[in-house]
N, C-alpha and C. Protein backbone atom coordinates (compact mmCIF):
# COMPACT_ATOMS: atom_id res chain seq x y z
N MET A 1 -24.04 2.49 8.08
CA MET A 1 -25.03 2.14 9.08
C MET A 1 -24.62 2.72 10.42
N THR A 2 -25.57 2.88 11.31
CA THR A 2 -25.28 3.57 12.56
C THR A 2 -24.29 2.82 13.42
N GLN A 3 -24.36 1.49 13.38
CA GLN A 3 -23.42 0.71 14.18
C GLN A 3 -21.99 0.96 13.74
N SER A 4 -21.77 1.08 12.42
CA SER A 4 -20.44 1.34 11.91
C SER A 4 -19.92 2.68 12.40
N LYS A 5 -20.81 3.68 12.41
CA LYS A 5 -20.39 5.00 12.87
C LYS A 5 -19.98 4.98 14.33
N SER A 6 -20.69 4.18 15.13
CA SER A 6 -20.35 4.12 16.55
C SER A 6 -19.03 3.43 16.79
N ARG A 7 -18.57 2.67 15.78
CA ARG A 7 -17.32 1.93 15.92
C ARG A 7 -16.18 2.58 15.12
N GLY A 8 -16.39 3.81 14.67
CA GLY A 8 -15.36 4.46 13.86
C GLY A 8 -14.06 4.63 14.61
N LEU A 9 -12.96 4.52 13.89
CA LEU A 9 -11.64 4.68 14.48
C LEU A 9 -11.08 6.05 14.15
N ARG A 10 -10.32 6.62 15.09
CA ARG A 10 -9.68 7.91 14.83
C ARG A 10 -8.63 7.77 13.74
N GLN A 11 -8.00 6.62 13.68
CA GLN A 11 -7.04 6.33 12.62
C GLN A 11 -7.21 4.89 12.19
N GLY A 12 -6.87 4.62 10.94
CA GLY A 12 -7.07 3.28 10.42
C GLY A 12 -6.20 2.24 11.09
N LEU A 13 -6.51 1.00 10.82
CA LEU A 13 -5.76 -0.13 11.37
C LEU A 13 -5.37 -1.04 10.21
N PHE A 14 -4.11 -1.45 10.17
CA PHE A 14 -3.58 -2.21 9.05
C PHE A 14 -3.12 -3.57 9.53
N ILE A 15 -3.78 -4.63 9.03
CA ILE A 15 -3.51 -6.00 9.46
C ILE A 15 -3.11 -6.82 8.24
N VAL A 16 -2.01 -7.54 8.34
CA VAL A 16 -1.49 -8.32 7.22
C VAL A 16 -1.39 -9.79 7.60
N PHE A 17 -1.72 -10.67 6.65
CA PHE A 17 -1.56 -12.11 6.82
C PHE A 17 -0.50 -12.60 5.83
N GLU A 18 0.42 -13.41 6.34
CA GLU A 18 1.49 -13.97 5.52
C GLU A 18 1.64 -15.46 5.78
N GLY A 19 2.37 -16.12 4.90
CA GLY A 19 2.63 -17.54 5.05
C GLY A 19 2.65 -18.22 3.69
N LEU A 20 3.03 -19.46 3.68
CA LEU A 20 3.05 -20.24 2.44
C LEU A 20 1.64 -20.50 1.96
N ASP A 21 1.48 -20.73 0.67
CA ASP A 21 0.18 -21.16 0.16
C ASP A 21 -0.20 -22.47 0.84
N GLY A 22 -1.47 -22.58 1.19
CA GLY A 22 -1.94 -23.75 1.92
C GLY A 22 -2.02 -23.52 3.41
N ALA A 23 -1.51 -22.38 3.89
CA ALA A 23 -1.52 -22.10 5.32
C ALA A 23 -2.88 -21.62 5.81
N GLY A 24 -3.75 -21.19 4.91
CA GLY A 24 -5.08 -20.76 5.31
C GLY A 24 -5.25 -19.26 5.43
N LYS A 25 -4.37 -18.50 4.79
CA LYS A 25 -4.44 -17.03 4.88
C LYS A 25 -5.77 -16.48 4.37
N THR A 26 -6.17 -16.94 3.20
CA THR A 26 -7.39 -16.40 2.58
C THR A 26 -8.60 -16.64 3.47
N THR A 27 -8.69 -17.82 4.06
CA THR A 27 -9.79 -18.13 4.97
C THR A 27 -9.79 -17.20 6.18
N GLN A 28 -8.61 -16.98 6.76
CA GLN A 28 -8.53 -16.14 7.97
C GLN A 28 -8.79 -14.68 7.65
N VAL A 29 -8.38 -14.22 6.48
CA VAL A 29 -8.71 -12.85 6.07
C VAL A 29 -10.22 -12.69 5.98
N ARG A 30 -10.88 -13.64 5.35
CA ARG A 30 -12.34 -13.57 5.19
C ARG A 30 -13.04 -13.60 6.55
N LEU A 31 -12.62 -14.52 7.43
CA LEU A 31 -13.24 -14.62 8.74
C LEU A 31 -13.07 -13.34 9.56
N LEU A 32 -11.88 -12.76 9.48
CA LEU A 32 -11.62 -11.54 10.26
C LEU A 32 -12.42 -10.36 9.73
N VAL A 33 -12.45 -10.19 8.41
CA VAL A 33 -13.22 -9.08 7.83
C VAL A 33 -14.70 -9.23 8.19
N GLU A 34 -15.23 -10.44 8.09
CA GLU A 34 -16.63 -10.66 8.43
C GLU A 34 -16.89 -10.37 9.91
N ARG A 35 -15.98 -10.78 10.77
CA ARG A 35 -16.16 -10.55 12.22
C ARG A 35 -16.12 -9.06 12.53
N LEU A 36 -15.18 -8.36 11.94
CA LEU A 36 -15.07 -6.92 12.15
C LEU A 36 -16.33 -6.20 11.68
N GLN A 37 -16.81 -6.57 10.51
CA GLN A 37 -18.02 -5.93 9.97
C GLN A 37 -19.24 -6.23 10.83
N GLN A 38 -19.32 -7.46 11.33
CA GLN A 38 -20.42 -7.82 12.22
C GLN A 38 -20.39 -7.01 13.52
N CYS A 39 -19.19 -6.62 13.93
CA CYS A 39 -19.03 -5.81 15.14
C CYS A 39 -19.17 -4.32 14.86
N GLY A 40 -19.47 -3.97 13.61
CA GLY A 40 -19.73 -2.59 13.28
C GLY A 40 -18.55 -1.79 12.77
N TYR A 41 -17.42 -2.44 12.56
CA TYR A 41 -16.25 -1.73 12.04
C TYR A 41 -16.29 -1.69 10.51
N GLU A 42 -15.72 -0.64 9.95
CA GLU A 42 -15.57 -0.56 8.51
C GLU A 42 -14.27 -1.27 8.14
N ALA A 43 -14.39 -2.47 7.62
CA ALA A 43 -13.22 -3.29 7.29
C ALA A 43 -13.25 -3.66 5.83
N VAL A 44 -12.07 -3.71 5.22
CA VAL A 44 -11.95 -4.08 3.82
C VAL A 44 -10.86 -5.14 3.66
N GLY A 45 -11.14 -6.17 2.89
CA GLY A 45 -10.16 -7.21 2.63
C GLY A 45 -9.52 -7.01 1.27
N LEU A 46 -8.20 -7.04 1.23
CA LEU A 46 -7.44 -6.87 -0.01
C LEU A 46 -6.48 -8.04 -0.19
N LYS A 47 -5.96 -8.17 -1.41
CA LYS A 47 -5.05 -9.28 -1.71
C LYS A 47 -3.96 -8.81 -2.65
N GLU A 48 -2.74 -9.27 -2.43
CA GLU A 48 -1.63 -9.04 -3.36
C GLU A 48 -1.07 -10.39 -3.81
N PRO A 49 -0.61 -10.47 -5.06
CA PRO A 49 -0.66 -9.45 -6.10
C PRO A 49 -2.09 -9.05 -6.41
N THR A 50 -2.28 -7.80 -6.87
CA THR A 50 -3.61 -7.30 -7.15
C THR A 50 -4.08 -7.79 -8.52
N GLU A 51 -5.26 -7.33 -8.89
CA GLU A 51 -5.79 -7.67 -10.22
C GLU A 51 -5.39 -6.60 -11.25
N GLY A 52 -4.55 -5.66 -10.84
CA GLY A 52 -4.11 -4.60 -11.74
C GLY A 52 -3.13 -5.12 -12.78
N PRO A 53 -2.64 -4.23 -13.65
CA PRO A 53 -1.77 -4.66 -14.76
C PRO A 53 -0.48 -5.32 -14.29
N TRP A 54 0.13 -4.79 -13.22
CA TRP A 54 1.37 -5.39 -12.73
C TRP A 54 1.08 -6.71 -12.03
N GLY A 55 -0.01 -6.76 -11.30
CA GLY A 55 -0.39 -8.01 -10.65
C GLY A 55 -0.68 -9.11 -11.64
N GLN A 56 -1.25 -8.74 -12.77
CA GLN A 56 -1.53 -9.74 -13.81
C GLN A 56 -0.23 -10.29 -14.41
N LYS A 57 0.78 -9.44 -14.53
CA LYS A 57 2.08 -9.92 -15.01
C LYS A 57 2.66 -10.95 -14.03
N ILE A 58 2.52 -10.65 -12.73
CA ILE A 58 3.05 -11.56 -11.71
C ILE A 58 2.29 -12.88 -11.74
N ARG A 59 0.96 -12.81 -11.87
CA ARG A 59 0.16 -14.03 -11.91
C ARG A 59 0.52 -14.87 -13.14
N ALA A 60 0.85 -14.20 -14.23
CA ALA A 60 1.26 -14.93 -15.43
C ALA A 60 2.57 -15.68 -15.18
N LEU A 61 3.47 -15.06 -14.42
CA LEU A 61 4.72 -15.74 -14.05
C LEU A 61 4.42 -17.02 -13.28
N ALA A 62 3.51 -16.89 -12.30
CA ALA A 62 3.19 -18.05 -11.45
C ALA A 62 2.57 -19.18 -12.28
N GLN A 63 1.74 -18.81 -13.26
CA GLN A 63 1.02 -19.82 -14.03
C GLN A 63 1.85 -20.41 -15.16
N HIS A 64 2.65 -19.58 -15.81
CA HIS A 64 3.32 -20.02 -17.03
C HIS A 64 4.84 -20.15 -16.90
N GLY A 65 5.38 -19.80 -15.74
CA GLY A 65 6.81 -19.94 -15.53
C GLY A 65 7.57 -18.63 -15.65
N ARG A 66 8.69 -18.56 -14.96
CA ARG A 66 9.49 -17.34 -14.97
C ARG A 66 10.30 -17.20 -16.24
N GLN A 67 10.56 -18.33 -16.90
CA GLN A 67 11.27 -18.34 -18.17
C GLN A 67 12.53 -17.46 -18.09
N ASP A 68 12.61 -16.42 -18.92
CA ASP A 68 13.82 -15.61 -18.93
C ASP A 68 13.65 -14.29 -18.18
N VAL A 69 12.64 -14.19 -17.31
CA VAL A 69 12.42 -12.96 -16.55
C VAL A 69 13.42 -12.91 -15.40
N PRO A 70 14.35 -11.95 -15.40
CA PRO A 70 15.35 -11.88 -14.32
C PRO A 70 14.73 -11.43 -13.01
N LEU A 71 15.45 -11.70 -11.93
CA LEU A 71 14.98 -11.34 -10.59
C LEU A 71 14.68 -9.85 -10.50
N GLU A 72 15.54 -9.02 -11.07
CA GLU A 72 15.36 -7.56 -10.98
C GLU A 72 14.03 -7.14 -11.60
N THR A 73 13.67 -7.73 -12.73
CA THR A 73 12.40 -7.40 -13.38
C THR A 73 11.23 -7.88 -12.55
N GLU A 74 11.33 -9.11 -12.06
CA GLU A 74 10.27 -9.67 -11.23
C GLU A 74 10.04 -8.80 -10.00
N LEU A 75 11.11 -8.39 -9.35
CA LEU A 75 11.01 -7.53 -8.17
C LEU A 75 10.40 -6.19 -8.53
N ALA A 76 10.79 -5.63 -9.67
CA ALA A 76 10.23 -4.35 -10.10
C ALA A 76 8.72 -4.45 -10.31
N TRP A 77 8.25 -5.57 -10.81
CA TRP A 77 6.81 -5.76 -11.00
C TRP A 77 6.08 -5.79 -9.66
N PHE A 78 6.66 -6.50 -8.68
CA PHE A 78 6.05 -6.54 -7.35
C PHE A 78 6.00 -5.14 -6.73
N LEU A 79 7.07 -4.39 -6.87
CA LEU A 79 7.11 -3.03 -6.32
C LEU A 79 6.08 -2.13 -6.99
N ALA A 80 5.96 -2.23 -8.31
CA ALA A 80 5.00 -1.40 -9.04
C ALA A 80 3.57 -1.76 -8.65
N ASP A 81 3.29 -3.05 -8.53
CA ASP A 81 1.96 -3.50 -8.14
C ASP A 81 1.61 -3.02 -6.73
N ARG A 82 2.58 -3.14 -5.83
CA ARG A 82 2.34 -2.73 -4.44
C ARG A 82 2.20 -1.22 -4.32
N ARG A 83 3.00 -0.49 -5.05
CA ARG A 83 2.90 0.98 -5.00
C ARG A 83 1.49 1.41 -5.42
N GLN A 84 0.97 0.80 -6.48
CA GLN A 84 -0.37 1.14 -6.93
C GLN A 84 -1.41 0.77 -5.87
N ASP A 85 -1.22 -0.38 -5.24
CA ASP A 85 -2.15 -0.82 -4.19
C ASP A 85 -2.12 0.14 -3.01
N VAL A 86 -0.92 0.55 -2.61
CA VAL A 86 -0.78 1.48 -1.49
C VAL A 86 -1.45 2.82 -1.82
N GLU A 87 -1.17 3.33 -2.99
CA GLU A 87 -1.68 4.66 -3.36
C GLU A 87 -3.18 4.67 -3.60
N GLU A 88 -3.71 3.61 -4.21
CA GLU A 88 -5.11 3.62 -4.61
C GLU A 88 -6.04 2.97 -3.59
N ASN A 89 -5.53 2.05 -2.78
CA ASN A 89 -6.41 1.29 -1.89
C ASN A 89 -6.04 1.41 -0.41
N ILE A 90 -4.80 1.06 -0.07
CA ILE A 90 -4.44 0.95 1.34
C ILE A 90 -4.43 2.31 2.03
N THR A 91 -3.67 3.26 1.51
CA THR A 91 -3.56 4.57 2.16
C THR A 91 -4.90 5.30 2.24
N PRO A 92 -5.70 5.35 1.17
CA PRO A 92 -7.00 6.02 1.28
C PRO A 92 -7.92 5.38 2.32
N ALA A 93 -7.93 4.04 2.39
CA ALA A 93 -8.78 3.36 3.37
C ALA A 93 -8.34 3.67 4.80
N LEU A 94 -7.04 3.65 5.04
CA LEU A 94 -6.53 3.98 6.37
C LEU A 94 -6.84 5.43 6.73
N ALA A 95 -6.76 6.32 5.76
CA ALA A 95 -7.06 7.74 5.99
C ALA A 95 -8.52 7.93 6.37
N ARG A 96 -9.39 7.04 5.89
CA ARG A 96 -10.82 7.12 6.23
C ARG A 96 -11.12 6.47 7.57
N GLY A 97 -10.10 5.94 8.24
CA GLY A 97 -10.30 5.29 9.52
C GLY A 97 -10.79 3.85 9.40
N GLN A 98 -10.61 3.24 8.23
CA GLN A 98 -11.05 1.87 8.03
C GLN A 98 -9.98 0.88 8.49
N ILE A 99 -10.39 -0.36 8.63
CA ILE A 99 -9.47 -1.44 8.97
C ILE A 99 -9.16 -2.20 7.68
N VAL A 100 -7.92 -2.21 7.29
CA VAL A 100 -7.48 -2.90 6.08
C VAL A 100 -6.89 -4.25 6.47
N VAL A 101 -7.41 -5.31 5.90
CA VAL A 101 -6.92 -6.67 6.14
C VAL A 101 -6.36 -7.19 4.82
N LEU A 102 -5.07 -7.44 4.77
CA LEU A 102 -4.39 -7.74 3.51
C LEU A 102 -3.81 -9.15 3.49
N ASP A 103 -4.10 -9.86 2.42
CA ASP A 103 -3.58 -11.20 2.17
C ASP A 103 -2.31 -11.06 1.33
N ARG A 104 -1.16 -11.17 1.96
CA ARG A 104 0.20 -11.01 1.40
C ARG A 104 0.58 -9.54 1.27
N TYR A 105 1.89 -9.29 1.57
CA TYR A 105 2.41 -7.92 1.50
C TYR A 105 3.90 -8.05 1.21
N TYR A 106 4.68 -7.06 1.60
CA TYR A 106 6.09 -7.08 1.19
C TYR A 106 6.91 -8.12 1.94
N PHE A 107 6.37 -8.71 2.99
CA PHE A 107 7.08 -9.79 3.68
C PHE A 107 7.17 -11.02 2.77
N SER A 108 6.12 -11.23 1.98
CA SER A 108 6.18 -12.30 0.98
C SER A 108 7.25 -12.01 -0.06
N THR A 109 7.36 -10.76 -0.47
CA THR A 109 8.40 -10.41 -1.44
C THR A 109 9.78 -10.66 -0.85
N MET A 110 9.97 -10.30 0.41
CA MET A 110 11.24 -10.56 1.07
C MET A 110 11.57 -12.05 1.06
N ALA A 111 10.54 -12.89 1.30
CA ALA A 111 10.77 -14.33 1.40
C ALA A 111 10.88 -15.00 0.03
N TYR A 112 9.94 -14.70 -0.86
CA TYR A 112 9.90 -15.40 -2.15
C TYR A 112 10.99 -14.92 -3.11
N GLN A 113 11.17 -13.60 -3.19
CA GLN A 113 12.24 -13.10 -4.06
C GLN A 113 13.60 -13.23 -3.36
N GLY A 114 13.59 -13.24 -2.04
CA GLY A 114 14.81 -13.54 -1.30
C GLY A 114 15.28 -14.96 -1.56
N ALA A 115 14.33 -15.88 -1.64
CA ALA A 115 14.68 -17.28 -1.93
C ALA A 115 15.21 -17.45 -3.34
N ARG A 116 14.93 -16.47 -4.18
CA ARG A 116 15.44 -16.53 -5.56
C ARG A 116 16.82 -15.88 -5.66
N GLY A 117 17.29 -15.29 -4.57
CA GLY A 117 18.62 -14.70 -4.57
C GLY A 117 18.66 -13.24 -4.21
N GLY A 118 17.50 -12.64 -4.00
CA GLY A 118 17.46 -11.24 -3.61
C GLY A 118 17.86 -11.05 -2.16
N ASN A 119 18.22 -9.82 -1.80
CA ASN A 119 18.60 -9.49 -0.43
C ASN A 119 17.33 -9.07 0.33
N PRO A 120 16.87 -9.86 1.31
CA PRO A 120 15.63 -9.52 2.02
C PRO A 120 15.65 -8.14 2.67
N ASP A 121 16.79 -7.75 3.24
CA ASP A 121 16.86 -6.43 3.89
C ASP A 121 16.72 -5.32 2.86
N MET A 122 17.36 -5.48 1.71
CA MET A 122 17.24 -4.48 0.65
C MET A 122 15.80 -4.42 0.13
N ILE A 123 15.18 -5.59 -0.03
CA ILE A 123 13.80 -5.64 -0.49
C ILE A 123 12.87 -4.94 0.50
N ARG A 124 13.12 -5.14 1.78
CA ARG A 124 12.32 -4.45 2.79
C ARG A 124 12.50 -2.94 2.68
N GLN A 125 13.71 -2.48 2.53
CA GLN A 125 13.97 -1.05 2.43
C GLN A 125 13.29 -0.44 1.20
N LEU A 126 13.36 -1.14 0.08
CA LEU A 126 12.72 -0.65 -1.14
C LEU A 126 11.21 -0.50 -0.95
N ASN A 127 10.62 -1.44 -0.24
CA ASN A 127 9.18 -1.41 -0.02
C ASN A 127 8.79 -0.34 1.00
N GLU A 128 9.53 -0.28 2.09
CA GLU A 128 9.14 0.65 3.16
C GLU A 128 9.42 2.10 2.80
N ALA A 129 10.05 2.34 1.65
CA ALA A 129 10.21 3.71 1.15
C ALA A 129 8.85 4.30 0.78
N PHE A 130 7.86 3.44 0.52
CA PHE A 130 6.53 3.95 0.15
C PHE A 130 5.38 3.16 0.80
N ALA A 131 5.67 1.96 1.28
CA ALA A 131 4.62 1.09 1.80
C ALA A 131 4.63 1.10 3.33
N PRO A 132 3.51 1.46 3.97
CA PRO A 132 3.48 1.53 5.43
C PRO A 132 3.57 0.15 6.06
N PRO A 133 4.32 -0.01 7.15
CA PRO A 133 4.34 -1.29 7.85
C PRO A 133 2.99 -1.52 8.52
N PRO A 134 2.63 -2.77 8.76
CA PRO A 134 1.33 -3.06 9.37
C PRO A 134 1.33 -2.81 10.88
N ASP A 135 0.13 -2.71 11.42
CA ASP A 135 -0.02 -2.66 12.87
C ASP A 135 0.05 -4.06 13.46
N LEU A 136 -0.43 -5.03 12.69
CA LEU A 136 -0.38 -6.43 13.09
C LEU A 136 0.02 -7.27 11.87
N LEU A 137 0.90 -8.21 12.10
CA LEU A 137 1.30 -9.15 11.06
C LEU A 137 1.13 -10.56 11.59
N PHE A 138 0.23 -11.32 10.97
CA PHE A 138 0.02 -12.71 11.35
C PHE A 138 0.74 -13.60 10.34
N LEU A 139 1.69 -14.39 10.85
CA LEU A 139 2.42 -15.33 10.00
C LEU A 139 1.92 -16.73 10.32
N LEU A 140 1.18 -17.32 9.40
CA LEU A 140 0.62 -18.65 9.58
C LEU A 140 1.65 -19.66 9.11
N GLU A 141 2.15 -20.45 10.05
CA GLU A 141 3.30 -21.31 9.78
C GLU A 141 2.87 -22.75 9.47
N ILE A 142 3.41 -23.25 8.37
CA ILE A 142 3.15 -24.62 7.93
C ILE A 142 4.41 -25.10 7.24
N THR A 143 4.69 -26.39 7.30
CA THR A 143 5.87 -26.89 6.59
C THR A 143 5.59 -26.83 5.09
N PRO A 144 6.63 -26.65 4.28
CA PRO A 144 6.42 -26.62 2.83
C PRO A 144 5.71 -27.87 2.32
N ALA A 145 6.05 -29.03 2.85
CA ALA A 145 5.41 -30.27 2.40
C ALA A 145 3.92 -30.27 2.72
N GLN A 146 3.55 -29.81 3.93
CA GLN A 146 2.14 -29.75 4.31
C GLN A 146 1.38 -28.74 3.45
N GLY A 147 1.99 -27.58 3.25
CA GLY A 147 1.34 -26.56 2.44
C GLY A 147 1.12 -27.03 1.01
N LEU A 148 2.14 -27.67 0.45
CA LEU A 148 2.04 -28.15 -0.93
C LEU A 148 0.99 -29.25 -1.05
N GLN A 149 0.90 -30.09 -0.03
CA GLN A 149 -0.12 -31.14 -0.04
C GLN A 149 -1.52 -30.54 -0.05
N ARG A 150 -1.73 -29.49 0.76
CA ARG A 150 -3.04 -28.83 0.78
C ARG A 150 -3.35 -28.19 -0.57
N VAL A 151 -2.35 -27.56 -1.18
CA VAL A 151 -2.55 -26.93 -2.48
C VAL A 151 -2.93 -27.98 -3.52
N GLN A 152 -2.23 -29.11 -3.50
CA GLN A 152 -2.47 -30.17 -4.49
C GLN A 152 -3.86 -30.77 -4.38
N GLN A 153 -4.47 -30.65 -3.21
CA GLN A 153 -5.83 -31.15 -3.03
C GLN A 153 -6.86 -30.25 -3.71
N GLN A 154 -6.44 -29.02 -4.06
CA GLN A 154 -7.37 -28.06 -4.66
C GLN A 154 -7.06 -27.73 -6.11
N ARG A 155 -5.78 -27.74 -6.46
CA ARG A 155 -5.39 -27.32 -7.81
C ARG A 155 -3.97 -27.79 -8.10
N VAL A 156 -3.51 -27.51 -9.33
CA VAL A 156 -2.14 -27.84 -9.71
C VAL A 156 -1.22 -26.75 -9.17
N PRO A 157 -0.16 -27.09 -8.45
CA PRO A 157 0.77 -26.08 -7.93
C PRO A 157 1.36 -25.23 -9.05
N ASP A 158 1.64 -23.96 -8.74
CA ASP A 158 2.19 -23.07 -9.76
C ASP A 158 3.70 -22.95 -9.63
N GLU A 159 4.29 -22.03 -10.37
CA GLU A 159 5.74 -21.86 -10.45
C GLU A 159 6.35 -21.51 -9.10
N PHE A 160 5.59 -20.85 -8.23
CA PHE A 160 6.11 -20.43 -6.93
C PHE A 160 5.93 -21.51 -5.87
N GLU A 161 5.43 -22.67 -6.27
CA GLU A 161 5.07 -23.71 -5.30
C GLU A 161 5.82 -25.02 -5.55
N ARG A 162 7.12 -24.91 -5.69
CA ARG A 162 7.98 -26.09 -5.82
C ARG A 162 8.66 -26.33 -4.47
N LEU A 163 8.70 -27.59 -4.05
CA LEU A 163 9.09 -27.93 -2.68
C LEU A 163 10.45 -27.35 -2.30
N GLU A 164 11.47 -27.56 -3.11
CA GLU A 164 12.81 -27.08 -2.76
C GLU A 164 12.83 -25.56 -2.62
N TYR A 165 12.14 -24.89 -3.52
CA TYR A 165 12.06 -23.43 -3.47
C TYR A 165 11.31 -22.98 -2.21
N LEU A 166 10.20 -23.66 -1.89
CA LEU A 166 9.40 -23.29 -0.72
C LEU A 166 10.17 -23.50 0.58
N GLU A 167 11.08 -24.44 0.59
CA GLU A 167 11.90 -24.64 1.79
C GLU A 167 12.78 -23.42 2.05
N HIS A 168 13.30 -22.81 1.00
CA HIS A 168 14.08 -21.58 1.15
C HIS A 168 13.18 -20.43 1.60
N VAL A 169 11.97 -20.37 1.03
CA VAL A 169 11.01 -19.33 1.41
C VAL A 169 10.66 -19.45 2.89
N ALA A 170 10.35 -20.66 3.32
CA ALA A 170 9.97 -20.89 4.72
C ALA A 170 11.11 -20.51 5.67
N ALA A 171 12.34 -20.78 5.27
CA ALA A 171 13.49 -20.44 6.11
C ALA A 171 13.60 -18.92 6.29
N LEU A 172 13.29 -18.17 5.24
CA LEU A 172 13.34 -16.71 5.34
C LEU A 172 12.19 -16.17 6.18
N PHE A 173 11.01 -16.76 6.05
CA PHE A 173 9.90 -16.39 6.92
C PHE A 173 10.27 -16.64 8.39
N ALA A 174 10.95 -17.76 8.64
CA ALA A 174 11.30 -18.14 10.01
C ALA A 174 12.28 -17.17 10.65
N GLN A 175 13.06 -16.47 9.83
CA GLN A 175 14.05 -15.53 10.35
C GLN A 175 13.46 -14.15 10.68
N MET A 176 12.26 -13.91 10.23
CA MET A 176 11.67 -12.58 10.42
C MET A 176 11.36 -12.31 11.89
N ASP A 177 11.60 -11.07 12.29
CA ASP A 177 11.38 -10.69 13.69
C ASP A 177 10.96 -9.23 13.73
N PHE A 178 9.68 -8.99 13.99
CA PHE A 178 9.15 -7.64 14.07
C PHE A 178 8.29 -7.52 15.33
N PRO A 179 8.21 -6.34 15.92
CA PRO A 179 7.43 -6.19 17.15
C PRO A 179 5.94 -6.43 16.95
N TYR A 180 5.46 -6.30 15.71
CA TYR A 180 4.04 -6.49 15.42
C TYR A 180 3.74 -7.87 14.88
N LEU A 181 4.72 -8.78 14.90
CA LEU A 181 4.57 -10.11 14.31
C LEU A 181 3.99 -11.11 15.32
N HIS A 182 2.96 -11.83 14.87
CA HIS A 182 2.37 -12.92 15.64
C HIS A 182 2.46 -14.19 14.80
N ARG A 183 3.09 -15.21 15.34
CA ARG A 183 3.20 -16.49 14.64
C ARG A 183 2.12 -17.45 15.13
N LEU A 184 1.48 -18.14 14.20
CA LEU A 184 0.43 -19.09 14.54
C LEU A 184 0.63 -20.37 13.74
N PRO A 185 0.51 -21.53 14.38
CA PRO A 185 0.63 -22.79 13.63
C PRO A 185 -0.58 -22.98 12.73
N ALA A 186 -0.33 -23.20 11.46
CA ALA A 186 -1.42 -23.36 10.50
C ALA A 186 -2.12 -24.70 10.63
N THR A 187 -1.63 -25.55 11.53
CA THR A 187 -2.27 -26.84 11.75
C THR A 187 -3.47 -26.71 12.69
N LEU A 188 -3.66 -25.53 13.29
CA LEU A 188 -4.83 -25.31 14.14
C LEU A 188 -6.10 -25.39 13.31
N MET A 189 -7.20 -25.79 13.95
CA MET A 189 -8.49 -25.72 13.29
C MET A 189 -8.78 -24.26 12.95
N PRO A 190 -9.39 -23.98 11.79
CA PRO A 190 -9.64 -22.60 11.40
C PRO A 190 -10.35 -21.78 12.47
N GLU A 191 -11.31 -22.38 13.18
CA GLU A 191 -12.04 -21.65 14.20
C GLU A 191 -11.15 -21.29 15.37
N VAL A 192 -10.25 -22.20 15.73
CA VAL A 192 -9.33 -21.94 16.84
C VAL A 192 -8.34 -20.85 16.45
N MET A 193 -7.83 -20.92 15.22
CA MET A 193 -6.90 -19.90 14.76
C MET A 193 -7.59 -18.53 14.71
N HIS A 194 -8.82 -18.51 14.23
CA HIS A 194 -9.55 -17.24 14.17
C HIS A 194 -9.73 -16.66 15.57
N SER A 195 -10.00 -17.52 16.54
CA SER A 195 -10.19 -17.05 17.91
C SER A 195 -8.92 -16.38 18.44
N ARG A 196 -7.78 -16.97 18.15
CA ARG A 196 -6.51 -16.38 18.60
C ARG A 196 -6.24 -15.06 17.88
N ILE A 197 -6.55 -15.04 16.59
CA ILE A 197 -6.36 -13.81 15.81
C ILE A 197 -7.27 -12.71 16.35
N TRP A 198 -8.52 -13.06 16.61
CA TRP A 198 -9.49 -12.08 17.09
C TRP A 198 -9.06 -11.50 18.44
N HIS A 199 -8.50 -12.32 19.29
CA HIS A 199 -8.02 -11.84 20.60
C HIS A 199 -6.94 -10.78 20.41
N ALA A 200 -5.99 -11.03 19.50
CA ALA A 200 -4.91 -10.07 19.26
C ALA A 200 -5.45 -8.78 18.64
N VAL A 201 -6.42 -8.92 17.73
CA VAL A 201 -7.01 -7.74 17.09
C VAL A 201 -7.80 -6.92 18.11
N GLN A 202 -8.57 -7.57 18.95
CA GLN A 202 -9.34 -6.87 19.98
C GLN A 202 -8.42 -6.08 20.91
N THR A 203 -7.30 -6.70 21.27
CA THR A 203 -6.34 -6.02 22.15
C THR A 203 -5.87 -4.71 21.54
N LEU A 204 -5.61 -4.72 20.23
CA LEU A 204 -5.15 -3.51 19.56
C LEU A 204 -6.31 -2.52 19.38
N LEU A 205 -7.52 -3.02 19.13
CA LEU A 205 -8.66 -2.13 18.95
C LEU A 205 -8.96 -1.33 20.22
N VAL A 206 -8.74 -1.94 21.36
CA VAL A 206 -8.98 -1.26 22.63
C VAL A 206 -8.10 -0.01 22.74
N GLN A 207 -6.90 -0.11 22.16
CA GLN A 207 -5.95 1.02 22.23
C GLN A 207 -6.31 2.12 21.25
N ARG A 208 -7.24 1.84 20.31
CA ARG A 208 -7.63 2.83 19.31
C ARG A 208 -8.87 3.59 19.76
C-alpha cells in the first residue's frame, strides 16, 4: 500500500522481546506489530522456537520432559532452529527493509540453557557467529513466582517452567547488560508498557 512505501526504511530494524513466560511478551509483540503496520511500516512478528523441525523437537522437550537429552544436544537443537530462522526469515526481512519483531531469541538460550549448566558467554558467541544482534531488546521483568502464577491461570506449566529452575533463569537475565537493552517491569498495565515500548521504538525510527 502507498502508506507503507512512504514509510520504507533504508535498512531493516530488528526488535526482540525477552523474559520469563507470563511476562507478556506475546501480547507486546502483537501490539507493536499492529502499531507499526497502522503507521505504515512493513513489520513482521516472529517467534522462537519456530514451527520448523528443530523447533518442534524443542517444543516436545517442553511438553514431555527432557528425559535423557543432554544439554549439548538441547543446545544444538536451539542453534539449528535459530540458524534456519535467521537464514529463512530474519535476514531476508531485514534485507527488504522490514521491521522484524521477535518473541524470544538467543538471550533466552543464554538464560535457560545457562540455568541448566551451560556457559552463557559461550552460548552467546555460538549464536552471534551467525545470528545478528538486535537493534532493540526489551526485557520484560517479572518474578518467577508471578510469572508461574500467570501461566497456571492459562495452562499447565511445562518442563521449562519449574520455580527453582526459573529462579536461576531470572538471575541470568538480571545479569545481562547490552547497550540496546531496555528493562521494563512486567507488572505494568499492557497499555502502559506498550506506550513505553513505542516511545523507544519511535526514537530509533527517527534515526532511520
